[in-house]
Amino acid sequence: MKSIDIPSSVELIDCEAFYNCTNVTSIRLPASVDLIFGAIVGCDELTTLEIYGRGDGLFLEDIDFAWFDKLKEIIVPYRKKNYYIELLGWGKDTVVERKPQKKTKNDESK
């Protein structure tokens, strides 16, 4: 498995849930998720972490980013880039802001 896409029905990821998932390169965390310390440990090939967080960043306190030597991109909610740069201590080139989706004519008619 190269990519882990957690469904929004998940609310808690327990300790060592992804322990030594050495082939995983990307993880998507929906806004519903709270992490327990040590939930993502030993994912040596992780290059992308996508956060659909509530914007408060509380669950990120339980991720030890020192484990992720190959992490190239942390995708965060729109207009939250500076907040996450300060919170995580990662540089502006690593933290990437997710662009808002453009509304289509179908969206406007709903």
PDB file of N, CA and C in Angstrom:
ATOM      1  N   MET A   1       0.846  -1.176   0.000  1.00  0.00           N
ATOM      2  CA  MET A   1       0.000   0.000   0.000  1.00  0.00           C
ATOM      3  C   MET A   1       0.894   1.244   0.000  1.00  0.00           C
ATOM      4  N   LYS A   2       0.655   2.118  -0.963  1.00  0.00           N
ATOM      5  CA  LYS A   2       1.454   3.338  -1.079  1.00  0.00           C
ATOM      6  C   LYS A   2       0.769   4.558  -0.475  1.00  0.00           C
ATOM      7  N   SER A   3      -0.571   4.556  -0.480  1.00  0.00           N
ATOM      8  CA  SER A   3      -1.322   5.723  -0.044  1.00  0.00           C
ATOM      9  C   SER A   3      -2.404   5.309   0.942  1.00  0.00           C
ATOM     10  N   ILE A   4      -2.562   6.115   1.989  1.00  0.00           N
ATOM     11  CA  ILE A   4      -3.603   5.865   2.985  1.00  0.00           C
ATOM     12  C   ILE A   4      -4.546   7.060   2.952  1.00  0.00           C
ATOM     13  N   ASP A   5      -5.806   6.786   2.646  1.00  0.00           N
ATOM     14  CA  ASP A   5      -6.835   7.818   2.587  1.00  0.00           C
ATOM     15  C   ASP A   5      -7.871   7.476   3.649  1.00  0.00           C
ATOM     16  N   ILE A   6      -7.777   8.133   4.780  1.00  0.00           N
ATOM     17  CA  ILE A   6      -8.654   7.851   5.908  1.00  0.00           C
ATOM     18  C   ILE A   6     -10.051   8.409   5.612  1.00  0.00           C
ATOM     19  N   PRO A   7     -11.102   7.595   5.716  1.00  0.00           N
ATOM     20  CA  PRO A   7     -12.453   8.115   5.466  1.00  0.00           C
ATOM     21  C   PRO A   7     -12.898   9.075   6.575  1.00  0.00           C
ATOM     22  N   SER A   8     -13.807   9.967   6.237  1.00  0.00           N
ATOM     23  CA  SER A   8     -14.256  10.978   7.204  1.00  0.00           C
ATOM     24  C   SER A   8     -15.091  10.380   8.337  1.00  0.00           C
ATOM     25  N   SER A   9     -15.460   9.112   8.227  1.00  0.00           N
ATOM     26  CA  SER A   9     -16.202   8.454   9.315  1.00  0.00           C
ATOM     27  C   SER A   9     -15.280   8.081  10.484  1.00  0.00           C
ATOM     28  N   VAL A  10     -13.966   8.111  10.261  1.00  0.00           N
ATOM     29  CA  VAL A  10     -12.994   7.772  11.304  1.00  0.00           C
ATOM     30  C   VAL A  10     -12.770   8.987  12.192  1.00  0.00           C
ATOM     31  N   GLU A  11     -12.840   8.772  13.504  1.00  0.00           N
ATOM     32  CA  GLU A  11     -12.646   9.868  14.448  1.00  0.00           C
ATOM     33  C   GLU A  11     -11.370   9.737  15.269  1.00  0.00           C
ATOM     34  N   LEU A  12     -10.842   8.520  15.392  1.00  0.00           N
ATOM     35  CA  LEU A  12      -9.676   8.298  16.240  1.00  0.00           C
ATOM     36  C   LEU A  12      -8.727   7.310  15.580  1.00  0.00           C
ATOM     37  N   ILE A  13      -7.458   7.651  15.566  1.00  0.00           N
ATOM     38  CA  ILE A  13      -6.411   6.745  15.102  1.00  0.00           C
ATOM     39  C   ILE A  13      -5.516   6.484  16.295  1.00  0.00           C
ATOM     40  N   ASP A  14      -5.432   5.244  16.691  1.00  0.00           N
ATOM     41  CA  ASP A  14      -4.771   4.856  17.928  1.00  0.00           C
ATOM     42  C   ASP A  14      -3.259   4.710  17.755  1.00  0.00           C
ATOM     43  N   CYS A  15      -2.577   4.596  18.870  1.00  0.00           N
ATOM     44  CA  CYS A  15      -1.121   4.451  18.927  1.00  0.00           C
ATOM     45  C   CYS A  15      -0.652   3.305  18.042  1.00  0.00           C
ATOM     46  N   GLU A  16       0.372   3.581  17.240  1.00  0.00           N
ATOM     47  CA  GLU A  16       1.026   2.615  16.361  1.00  0.00           C
ATOM     48  C   GLU A  16       0.110   2.041  15.282  1.00  0.00           C
ATOM     49  N   ALA A  17      -0.957   2.744  14.942  1.00  0.00           N
ATOM     50  CA  ALA A  17      -1.870   2.279  13.890  1.00  0.00           C
ATOM     51  C   ALA A  17      -1.138   2.105  12.560  1.00  0.00           C
ATOM     52  N   PHE A  18      -0.187   2.970  12.291  1.00  0.00           N
ATOM     53  CA  PHE A  18       0.589   2.881  11.054  1.00  0.00           C
ATOM     54  C   PHE A  18       2.066   2.641  11.361  1.00  0.00           C
ATOM     55  N   TYR A  19       2.335   1.925  12.403  1.00  0.00           N
ATOM     56  CA  TYR A  19       3.703   1.652  12.826  1.00  0.00           C
ATOM     57  C   TYR A  19       4.453   0.858  11.757  1.00  0.00           C
ATOM     58  N   ASN A  20       5.579   1.396  11.324  1.00  0.00           N
ATOM     59  CA  ASN A  20       6.458   0.763  10.344  1.00  0.00           C
ATOM     60  C   ASN A  20       5.773   0.415   9.033  1.00  0.00           C
ATOM     61  N   CYS A  21       4.866   1.261   8.583  1.00  0.00           N
ATOM     62  CA  CYS A  21       4.291   1.122   7.238  1.00  0.00           C
ATOM     63  C   CYS A  21       5.306   1.729   6.275  1.00  0.00           C
ATOM     64  N   THR A  22       6.361   0.998   6.032  1.00  0.00           N
ATOM     65  CA  THR A  22       7.527   1.549   5.345  1.00  0.00           C
ATOM     66  C   THR A  22       7.308   1.856   3.871  1.00  0.00           C
ATOM     67  N   ASN A  23       6.250   1.330   3.247  1.00  0.00           N
ATOM     68  CA  ASN A  23       5.995   1.607   1.832  1.00  0.00           C
ATOM     69  C   ASN A  23       5.048   2.778   1.600  1.00  0.00           C
ATOM     70  N   VAL A  24       4.441   3.291   2.646  1.00  0.00           N
ATOM     71  CA  VAL A  24       3.468   4.372   2.509  1.00  0.00           C
ATOM     72  C   VAL A  24       4.175   5.671   2.139  1.00  0.00           C
ATOM     73  N   THR A  25       3.689   6.311   1.063  1.00  0.00           N
ATOM     74  CA  THR A  25       4.277   7.580   0.634  1.00  0.00           C
ATOM     75  C   THR A  25       3.357   8.764   0.896  1.00  0.00           C
ATOM     76  N   SER A  26       2.046   8.515   1.076  1.00  0.00           N
ATOM     77  CA  SER A  26       1.140   9.629   1.357  1.00  0.00           C
ATOM     78  C   SER A  26       0.021   9.203   2.303  1.00  0.00           C
ATOM     79  N   ILE A  27      -0.369  10.147   3.150  1.00  0.00           N
ATOM     80  CA  ILE A  27      -1.459   9.943   4.103  1.00  0.00           C
ATOM     81  C   ILE A  27      -2.366  11.152   4.041  1.00  0.00           C
ATOM     82  N   ARG A  28      -3.675  10.901   3.948  1.00  0.00           N
ATOM     83  CA  ARG A  28      -4.680  11.975   3.954  1.00  0.00           C
ATOM     84  C   ARG A  28      -5.478  11.863   5.246  1.00  0.00           C
ATOM     85  N   LEU A  29      -5.458  12.926   6.047  1.00  0.00           N
ATOM     86  CA  LEU A  29      -6.165  12.971   7.328  1.00  0.00           C
ATOM     87  C   LEU A  29      -7.362  13.903   7.232  1.00  0.00           C
ATOM     88  N   PRO A  30      -8.592  13.365   7.319  1.00  0.00           N
ATOM     89  CA  PRO A  30      -9.769  14.234   7.241  1.00  0.00           C
ATOM     90  C   PRO A  30      -9.952  15.045   8.518  1.00  0.00           C
ATOM     91  N   ALA A  31     -10.843  16.010   8.475  1.00  0.00           N
ATOM     92  CA  ALA A  31     -11.094  16.891   9.617  1.00  0.00           C
ATOM     93  C   ALA A  31     -11.628  16.139  10.822  1.00  0.00           C
ATOM     94  N   SER A  32     -12.223  14.983  10.607  1.00  0.00           N
ATOM     95  CA  SER A  32     -12.846  14.222  11.698  1.00  0.00           C
ATOM     96  C   SER A  32     -11.839  13.537  12.612  1.00  0.00           C
ATOM     97  N   VAL A  33     -10.598  13.410  12.174  1.00  0.00           N
ATOM     98  CA  VAL A  33      -9.613  12.573  12.865  1.00  0.00           C
ATOM     99  C   VAL A  33      -8.921  13.276  14.017  1.00  0.00           C
ATOM    100  N   ASP A  34      -8.830  12.560  15.139  1.00  0.00           N
ATOM    101  CA  ASP A  34      -7.936  12.907  16.232  1.00  0.00           C
ATOM    102  C   ASP A  34      -6.901  11.797  16.303  1.00  0.00           C
ATOM    103  N   LEU A  35      -5.650  12.169  16.498  1.00  0.00           N
ATOM    104  CA  LEU A  35      -4.573  11.183  16.556  1.00  0.00           C
ATOM    105  C   LEU A  35      -4.125  10.971  17.992  1.00  0.00           C
ATOM    106  N   ILE A  36      -3.755   9.748  18.287  1.00  0.00           N
ATOM    107  CA  ILE A  36      -3.110   9.427  19.553  1.00  0.00           C
ATOM    108  C   ILE A  36      -1.606   9.461  19.294  1.00  0.00           C
ATOM    109  N   PHE A  37      -0.844   9.932  20.267  1.00  0.00           N
ATOM    110  CA  PHE A  37       0.611  10.022  20.103  1.00  0.00           C
ATOM    111  C   PHE A  37       1.180   8.698  19.592  1.00  0.00           C
ATOM    112  N   GLY A  38       1.991   8.774  18.572  1.00  0.00           N
ATOM    113  CA  GLY A  38       2.641   7.586  18.032  1.00  0.00           C
ATOM    114  C   GLY A  38       1.820   6.843  16.998  1.00  0.00           C
ATOM    115  N   ALA A  39       0.726   7.420  16.513  1.00  0.00           N
ATOM    116  CA  ALA A  39      -0.120   6.741  15.528  1.00  0.00           C
ATOM    117  C   ALA A  39       0.592   6.572  14.192  1.00  0.00           C
ATOM    118  N   ILE A  40       1.403   7.553  13.818  1.00  0.00           N
ATOM    119  CA  ILE A  40       2.128   7.490  12.546  1.00  0.00           C
ATOM    120  C   ILE A  40       3.616   7.505  12.866  1.00  0.00           C
ATOM    121  N   VAL A  41       4.183   6.321  12.972  1.00  0.00           N
ATOM    122  CA  VAL A  41       5.599   6.186  13.320  1.00  0.00           C
ATOM    123  C   VAL A  41       6.246   5.164  12.390  1.00  0.00           C
ATOM    124  N   GLY A  42       7.409   5.471  11.892  1.00  0.00           N
ATOM    125  CA  GLY A  42       8.153   4.518  11.085  1.00  0.00           C
ATOM    126  C   GLY A  42       7.718   4.450   9.641  1.00  0.00           C
ATOM    127  N   CYS A  43       6.980   5.448   9.176  1.00  0.00           N
ATOM    128  CA  CYS A  43       6.602   5.527   7.761  1.00  0.00           C
ATOM    129  C   CYS A  43       7.748   6.226   7.032  1.00  0.00           C
ATOM    130  N   ASP A  44       8.828   5.487   6.844  1.00  0.00           N
ATOM    131  CA  ASP A  44      10.081   6.064   6.364  1.00  0.00           C
ATOM    132  C   ASP A  44      10.011   6.691   4.976  1.00  0.00           C
ATOM    133  N   GLU A  45       9.071   6.237   4.144  1.00  0.00           N
ATOM    134  CA  GLU A  45       8.971   6.735   2.770  1.00  0.00           C
ATOM    135  C   GLU A  45       7.920   7.831   2.612  1.00  0.00           C
ATOM    136  N   LEU A  46       7.328   8.284   3.702  1.00  0.00           N
ATOM    137  CA  LEU A  46       6.269   9.292   3.635  1.00  0.00           C
ATOM    138  C   LEU A  46       6.802  10.587   3.024  1.00  0.00           C
ATOM    139  N   THR A  47       6.188  11.000   1.919  1.00  0.00           N
ATOM    140  CA  THR A  47       6.588  12.238   1.260  1.00  0.00           C
ATOM    141  C   THR A  47       5.499  13.301   1.304  1.00  0.00           C
ATOM    142  N   THR A  48       4.220  12.869   1.449  1.00  0.00           N
ATOM    143  CA  THR A  48       3.108  13.809   1.427  1.00  0.00           C
ATOM    144  C   THR A  48       2.140  13.529   2.565  1.00  0.00           C
ATOM    145  N   LEU A  49       1.812  14.564   3.317  1.00  0.00           N
ATOM    146  CA  LEU A  49       0.805  14.485   4.366  1.00  0.00           C
ATOM    147  C   LEU A  49      -0.245  15.532   4.041  1.00  0.00           C
ATOM    148  N   GLU A  50      -1.485  15.086   3.809  1.00  0.00           N
ATOM    149  CA  GLU A  50      -2.563  16.003   3.454  1.00  0.00           C
ATOM    150  C   GLU A  50      -3.510  16.132   4.639  1.00  0.00           C
ATOM    151  N   ILE A  51      -3.693  17.372   5.095  1.00  0.00           N
ATOM    152  CA  ILE A  51      -4.473  17.643   6.302  1.00  0.00           C
ATOM    153  C   ILE A  51      -5.756  18.376   5.921  1.00  0.00           C
ATOM    154  N   TYR A  52      -6.861  17.787   6.267  1.00  0.00           N
ATOM    155  CA  TYR A  52      -8.155  18.455   6.102  1.00  0.00           C
ATOM    156  C   TYR A  52      -8.634  18.826   7.490  1.00  0.00           C
ATOM    157  N   GLY A  53      -7.774  19.475   8.245  1.00  0.00           N
ATOM    158  CA  GLY A  53      -8.035  19.753   9.648  1.00  0.00           C
ATOM    159  C   GLY A  53      -9.080  20.816   9.883  1.00  0.00           C
ATOM    160  N   ARG A  54      -9.496  20.884  11.106  1.00  0.00           N
ATOM    161  CA  ARG A  54     -10.483  21.872  11.539  1.00  0.00           C
ATOM    162  C   ARG A  54      -9.871  23.269  11.555  1.00  0.00           C
ATOM    163  N   GLY A  55      -8.581  23.323  11.405  1.00  0.00           N
ATOM    164  CA  GLY A  55      -7.919  24.615  11.442  1.00  0.00           C
ATOM    165  C   GLY A  55      -7.315  24.927  12.796  1.00  0.00           C
ATOM    166  N   ASP A  56      -7.628  24.100  13.803  1.00  0.00           N
ATOM    167  CA  ASP A  56      -7.071  24.369  15.124  1.00  0.00           C
ATOM    168  C   ASP A  56      -5.730  23.679  15.330  1.00  0.00           C
ATOM    169  N   GLY A  57      -5.431  22.678  14.505  1.00  0.00           N
ATOM    170  CA  GLY A  57      -4.136  22.024  14.555  1.00  0.00           C
ATOM    171  C   GLY A  57      -3.869  21.201  15.795  1.00  0.00           C
ATOM    172  N   LEU A  58      -4.855  20.996  16.643  1.00  0.00           N
ATOM    173  CA  LEU A  58      -4.619  20.293  17.898  1.00  0.00           C
ATOM    174  C   LEU A  58      -4.110  18.873  17.700  1.00  0.00           C
ATOM    175  N   PHE A  59      -4.654  18.165  16.727  1.00  0.00           N
ATOM    176  CA  PHE A  59      -4.234  16.782  16.526  1.00  0.00           C
ATOM    177  C   PHE A  59      -2.810  16.679  16.018  1.00  0.00           C
ATOM    178  N   LEU A  60      -2.278  17.746  15.469  1.00  0.00           N
ATOM    179  CA  LEU A  60      -0.913  17.707  14.950  1.00  0.00           C
ATOM    180  C   LEU A  60       0.131  17.656  16.049  1.00  0.00           C
ATOM    181  N   GLU A  61      -0.258  18.020  17.246  1.00  0.00           N
ATOM    182  CA  GLU A  61       0.680  17.943  18.361  1.00  0.00           C
ATOM    183  C   GLU A  61       1.118  16.505  18.623  1.00  0.00           C
ATOM    184  N   ASP A  62       0.319  15.552  18.167  1.00  0.00           N
ATOM    185  CA  ASP A  62       0.622  14.152  18.397  1.00  0.00           C
ATOM    186  C   ASP A  62       1.405  13.501  17.269  1.00  0.00           C
ATOM    187  N   ILE A  63       1.859  14.269  16.312  1.00  0.00           N
ATOM    188  CA  ILE A  63       2.703  13.740  15.234  1.00  0.00           C
ATOM    189  C   ILE A  63       4.129  14.190  15.493  1.00  0.00           C
ATOM    190  N   ASP A  64       5.043  13.253  15.577  1.00  0.00           N
ATOM    191  CA  ASP A  64       6.451  13.588  15.745  1.00  0.00           C
ATOM    192  C   ASP A  64       7.073  13.697  14.353  1.00  0.00           C
ATOM    193  N   PHE A  65       7.153  14.904  13.832  1.00  0.00           N
ATOM    194  CA  PHE A  65       7.617  15.124  12.465  1.00  0.00           C
ATOM    195  C   PHE A  65       9.092  14.797  12.269  1.00  0.00           C
ATOM    196  N   ALA A  66       9.823  14.582  13.339  1.00  0.00           N
ATOM    197  CA  ALA A  66      11.240  14.212  13.222  1.00  0.00           C
ATOM    198  C   ALA A  66      11.405  12.851  12.533  1.00  0.00           C
ATOM    199  N   TRP A  67      10.355  12.033  12.547  1.00  0.00           N
ATOM    200  CA  TRP A  67      10.419  10.699  11.923  1.00  0.00           C
ATOM    201  C   TRP A  67      10.416  10.755  10.400  1.00  0.00           C
ATOM    202  N   PHE A  68      10.005  11.859   9.822  1.00  0.00           N
ATOM    203  CA  PHE A  68       9.739  11.908   8.389  1.00  0.00           C
ATOM    204  C   PHE A  68      10.841  12.633   7.626  1.00  0.00           C
ATOM    205  N   ASP A  69      11.940  11.961   7.408  1.00  0.00           N
ATOM    206  CA  ASP A  69      13.087  12.546   6.705  1.00  0.00           C
ATOM    207  C   ASP A  69      12.777  12.907   5.261  1.00  0.00           C
ATOM    208  N   LYS A  70      11.871  12.158   4.622  1.00  0.00           N
ATOM    209  CA  LYS A  70      11.596  12.345   3.197  1.00  0.00           C
ATOM    210  C   LYS A  70      10.358  13.189   2.935  1.00  0.00           C
ATOM    211  N   LEU A  71       9.748  13.716   3.978  1.00  0.00           N
ATOM    212  CA  LEU A  71       8.529  14.505   3.823  1.00  0.00           C
ATOM    213  C   LEU A  71       8.829  15.756   3.007  1.00  0.00           C
ATOM    214  N   LYS A  72       8.153  15.878   1.855  1.00  0.00           N
ATOM    215  CA  LYS A  72       8.385  16.999   0.954  1.00  0.00           C
ATOM    216  C   LYS A  72       7.233  17.990   0.947  1.00  0.00           C
ATOM    217  N   GLU A  73       6.041  17.512   1.350  1.00  0.00           N
ATOM    218  CA  GLU A  73       4.862  18.346   1.175  1.00  0.00           C
ATOM    219  C   GLU A  73       3.840  18.072   2.277  1.00  0.00           C
ATOM    220  N   ILE A  74       3.403  19.139   2.917  1.00  0.00           N
ATOM    221  CA  ILE A  74       2.309  19.070   3.875  1.00  0.00           C
ATOM    222  C   ILE A  74       1.216  19.959   3.296  1.00  0.00           C
ATOM    223  N   ILE A  75       0.135  19.337   2.845  1.00  0.00           N
ATOM    224  CA  ILE A  75      -0.953  20.078   2.202  1.00  0.00           C
ATOM    225  C   ILE A  75      -1.968  20.450   3.271  1.00  0.00           C
ATOM    226  N   VAL A  76      -2.257  21.737   3.378  1.00  0.00           N
ATOM    227  CA  VAL A  76      -3.111  22.253   4.458  1.00  0.00           C
ATOM    228  C   VAL A  76      -4.320  22.983   3.874  1.00  0.00           C
ATOM    229  N   PRO A  77      -5.329  23.232   4.714  1.00  0.00           N
ATOM    230  CA  PRO A  77      -6.525  23.942   4.238  1.00  0.00           C
ATOM    231  C   PRO A  77      -6.210  25.332   3.679  1.00  0.00           C
ATOM    232  N   TYR A  78      -7.055  25.766   2.755  1.00  0.00           N
ATOM    233  CA  TYR A  78      -6.932  27.087   2.127  1.00  0.00           C
ATOM    234  C   TYR A  78      -6.918  28.188   3.185  1.00  0.00           C
ATOM    235  N   ARG A  79      -6.036  29.129   3.011  1.00  0.00           N
ATOM    236  CA  ARG A  79      -5.854  30.283   3.898  1.00  0.00           C
ATOM    237  C   ARG A  79      -5.356  29.915   5.293  1.00  0.00           C
ATOM    238  N   LYS A  80      -4.708  28.773   5.419  1.00  0.00           N
ATOM    239  CA  LYS A  80      -4.164  28.354   6.715  1.00  0.00           C
ATOM    240  C   LYS A  80      -2.656  28.108   6.650  1.00  0.00           C
ATOM    241  N   LYS A  81      -2.042  28.424   5.528  1.00  0.00           N
ATOM    242  CA  LYS A  81      -0.622  28.116   5.333  1.00  0.00           C
ATOM    243  C   LYS A  81       0.262  28.725   6.419  1.00  0.00           C
ATOM    244  N   ASN A  82       0.142  30.012   6.660  1.00  0.00           N
ATOM    245  CA  ASN A  82       1.005  30.664   7.653  1.00  0.00           C
ATOM    246  C   ASN A  82       0.790  30.094   9.048  1.00  0.00           C
ATOM    247  N   TYR A  83      -0.458  29.794   9.354  1.00  0.00           N
ATOM    248  CA  TYR A  83      -0.779  29.181  10.656  1.00  0.00           C
ATOM    249  C   TYR A  83      -0.028  27.859  10.817  1.00  0.00           C
ATOM    250  N   TYR A  84      -0.082  27.001   9.789  1.00  0.00           N
ATOM    251  CA  TYR A  84       0.568  25.699   9.883  1.00  0.00           C
ATOM    252  C   TYR A  84       2.087  25.800   9.832  1.00  0.00           C
ATOM    253  N   ILE A  85       2.620  26.773   9.112  1.00  0.00           N
ATOM    254  CA  ILE A  85       4.073  26.974   9.112  1.00  0.00           C
ATOM    255  C   ILE A  85       4.537  27.277  10.530  1.00  0.00           C
ATOM    256  N   GLU A  86       3.826  28.153  11.207  1.00  0.00           N
ATOM    257  CA  GLU A  86       4.187  28.503  12.581  1.00  0.00           C
ATOM    258  C   GLU A  86       3.978  27.320  13.528  1.00  0.00           C
ATOM    259  N   LEU A  87       2.861  26.635  13.378  1.00  0.00           N
ATOM    260  CA  LEU A  87       2.535  25.510  14.256  1.00  0.00           C
ATOM    261  C   LEU A  87       3.528  24.361  14.108  1.00  0.00           C
ATOM    262  N   LEU A  88       3.853  24.027  12.869  1.00  0.00           N
ATOM    263  CA  LEU A  88       4.691  22.850  12.603  1.00  0.00           C
ATOM    264  C   LEU A  88       6.182  23.156  12.601  1.00  0.00           C
ATOM    265  N   GLY A  89       6.532  24.399  12.360  1.00  0.00           N
ATOM    266  CA  GLY A  89       7.938  24.749  12.288  1.00  0.00           C
ATOM    267  C   GLY A  89       8.593  24.320  10.980  1.00  0.00           C
ATOM    268  N   TRP A  90       7.779  24.053   9.949  1.00  0.00           N
ATOM    269  CA  TRP A  90       8.308  23.672   8.639  1.00  0.00           C
ATOM    270  C   TRP A  90       8.354  24.896   7.750  1.00  0.00           C
ATOM    271  N   GLY A  91       9.235  24.859   6.777  1.00  0.00           N
ATOM    272  CA  GLY A  91       9.420  25.991   5.885  1.00  0.00           C
ATOM    273  C   GLY A  91       8.277  26.198   4.918  1.00  0.00           C
ATOM    274  N   LYS A  92       8.258  27.392   4.328  1.00  0.00           N
ATOM    275  CA  LYS A  92       7.172  27.756   3.424  1.00  0.00           C
ATOM    276  C   LYS A  92       7.157  26.922   2.153  1.00  0.00           C
ATOM    277  N   ASP A  93       8.271  26.301   1.789  1.00  0.00           N
ATOM    278  CA  ASP A  93       8.295  25.463   0.595  1.00  0.00           C
ATOM    279  C   ASP A  93       7.675  24.088   0.841  1.00  0.00           C
ATOM    280  N   THR A  94       7.653  23.635   2.088  1.00  0.00           N
ATOM    281  CA  THR A  94       7.097  22.329   2.424  1.00  0.00           C
ATOM    282  C   THR A  94       5.595  22.400   2.652  1.00  0.00           C
ATOM    283  N   VAL A  95       5.127  23.451   3.302  1.00  0.00           N
ATOM    284  CA  VAL A  95       3.697  23.598   3.589  1.00  0.00           C
ATOM    285  C   VAL A  95       3.025  24.218   2.367  1.00  0.00           C
ATOM    286  N   VAL A  96       2.074  23.473   1.799  1.00  0.00           N
ATOM    287  CA  VAL A  96       1.392  23.884   0.576  1.00  0.00           C
ATOM    288  C   VAL A  96      -0.090  24.063   0.870  1.00  0.00           C
ATOM    289  N   GLU A  97      -0.633  25.156   0.396  1.00  0.00           N
ATOM    290  CA  GLU A  97      -2.045  25.458   0.634  1.00  0.00           C
ATOM    291  C   GLU A  97      -2.911  24.809  -0.450  1.00  0.00           C
ATOM    292  N   ARG A  98      -3.954  24.097  -0.027  1.00  0.00           N
ATOM    293  CA  ARG A  98      -4.900  23.504  -0.969  1.00  0.00           C
ATOM    294  C   ARG A  98      -5.729  24.625  -1.566  1.00  0.00           C
ATOM    295  N   LYS A  99      -5.812  24.678  -2.873  1.00  0.00           N
ATOM    296  CA  LYS A  99      -6.586  25.724  -3.551  1.00  0.00           C
ATOM    297  C   LYS A  99      -8.074  25.441  -3.400  1.00  0.00           C
ATOM    298  N   PRO A 100      -8.880  26.493  -3.265  1.00  0.00           N
ATOM    299  CA  PRO A 100     -10.331  26.281  -3.172  1.00  0.00           C
ATOM    300  C   PRO A 100     -10.868  25.781  -4.501  1.00  0.00           C
ATOM    301  N   GLN A 101     -11.909  24.965  -4.431  1.00  0.00           N
ATOM    302  CA  GLN A 101     -12.518  24.466  -5.653  1.00  0.00           C
ATOM    303  C   GLN A 101     -13.386  25.564  -6.253  1.00  0.00           C
ATOM    304  N   LYS A 102     -13.303  25.691  -7.568  1.00  0.00           N
ATOM    305  CA  LYS A 102     -14.115  26.685  -8.256  1.00  0.00           C
ATOM    306  C   LYS A 102     -15.540  26.166  -8.384  1.00  0.00           C
ATOM    307  N   LYS A 103     -16.483  27.061  -8.174  1.00  0.00           N
ATOM    308  CA  LYS A 103     -17.886  26.699  -8.323  1.00  0.00           C
ATOM    309  C   LYS A 103     -18.224  26.574  -9.803  1.00  0.00           C
ATOM    310  N   THR A 104     -19.028  25.582 -10.110  1.00  0.00           N
ATOM    311  CA  THR A 104     -19.495  25.403 -11.480  1.00  0.00           C
ATOM    312  C   THR A 104     -20.949  25.868 -11.561  1.00  0.00           C
ATOM    313  N   LYS A 105     -21.475  25.939 -12.759  1.00  0.00           N
ATOM    314  CA  LYS A 105     -22.871  26.313 -12.922  1.00  0.00           C
ATOM    315  C   LYS A 105     -23.800  25.328 -12.218  1.00  0.00           C
ATOM    316  N   ASN A 106     -23.418  24.057 -12.201  1.00  0.00           N
ATOM    317  CA  ASN A 106     -24.217  23.049 -11.513  1.00  0.00           C
ATOM    318  C   ASN A 106     -24.282  23.321 -10.017  1.00  0.00           C
ATOM    319  N   ASP A 107     -23.178  23.792  -9.426  1.00  0.00           N
ATOM    320  CA  ASP A 107     -23.145  24.107  -7.989  1.00  0.00           C
ATOM    321  C   ASP A 107     -24.079  25.268  -7.670  1.00  0.00           C
ATOM    322  N   GLU A 108     -24.115  26.255  -8.551  1.00  0.00           N
ATOM    323  CA  GLU A 108     -24.916  27.442  -8.299  1.00  0.00           C
ATOM    324  C   GLU A 108     -26.415  27.185  -8.416  1.00  0.00           C
ATOM    325  N   SER A 109     -26.805  26.175  -9.180  1.00  0.00           N
ATOM    326  CA  SER A 109     -28.226  25.883  -9.355  1.00  0.00           C
ATOM    327  C   SER A 109     -28.799  25.043  -8.240  1.00  0.00           C
ATOM    328  N   LYS A 110     -27.968  24.559  -7.332  1.00  0.00           N
ATOM    329  CA  LYS A 110     -28.439  23.704  -6.232  1.00  0.00           C
ATOM    330  C   LYS A 110     -29.036  24.512  -5.107  1.00  0.00           C
TER     331      LYS A 110
END
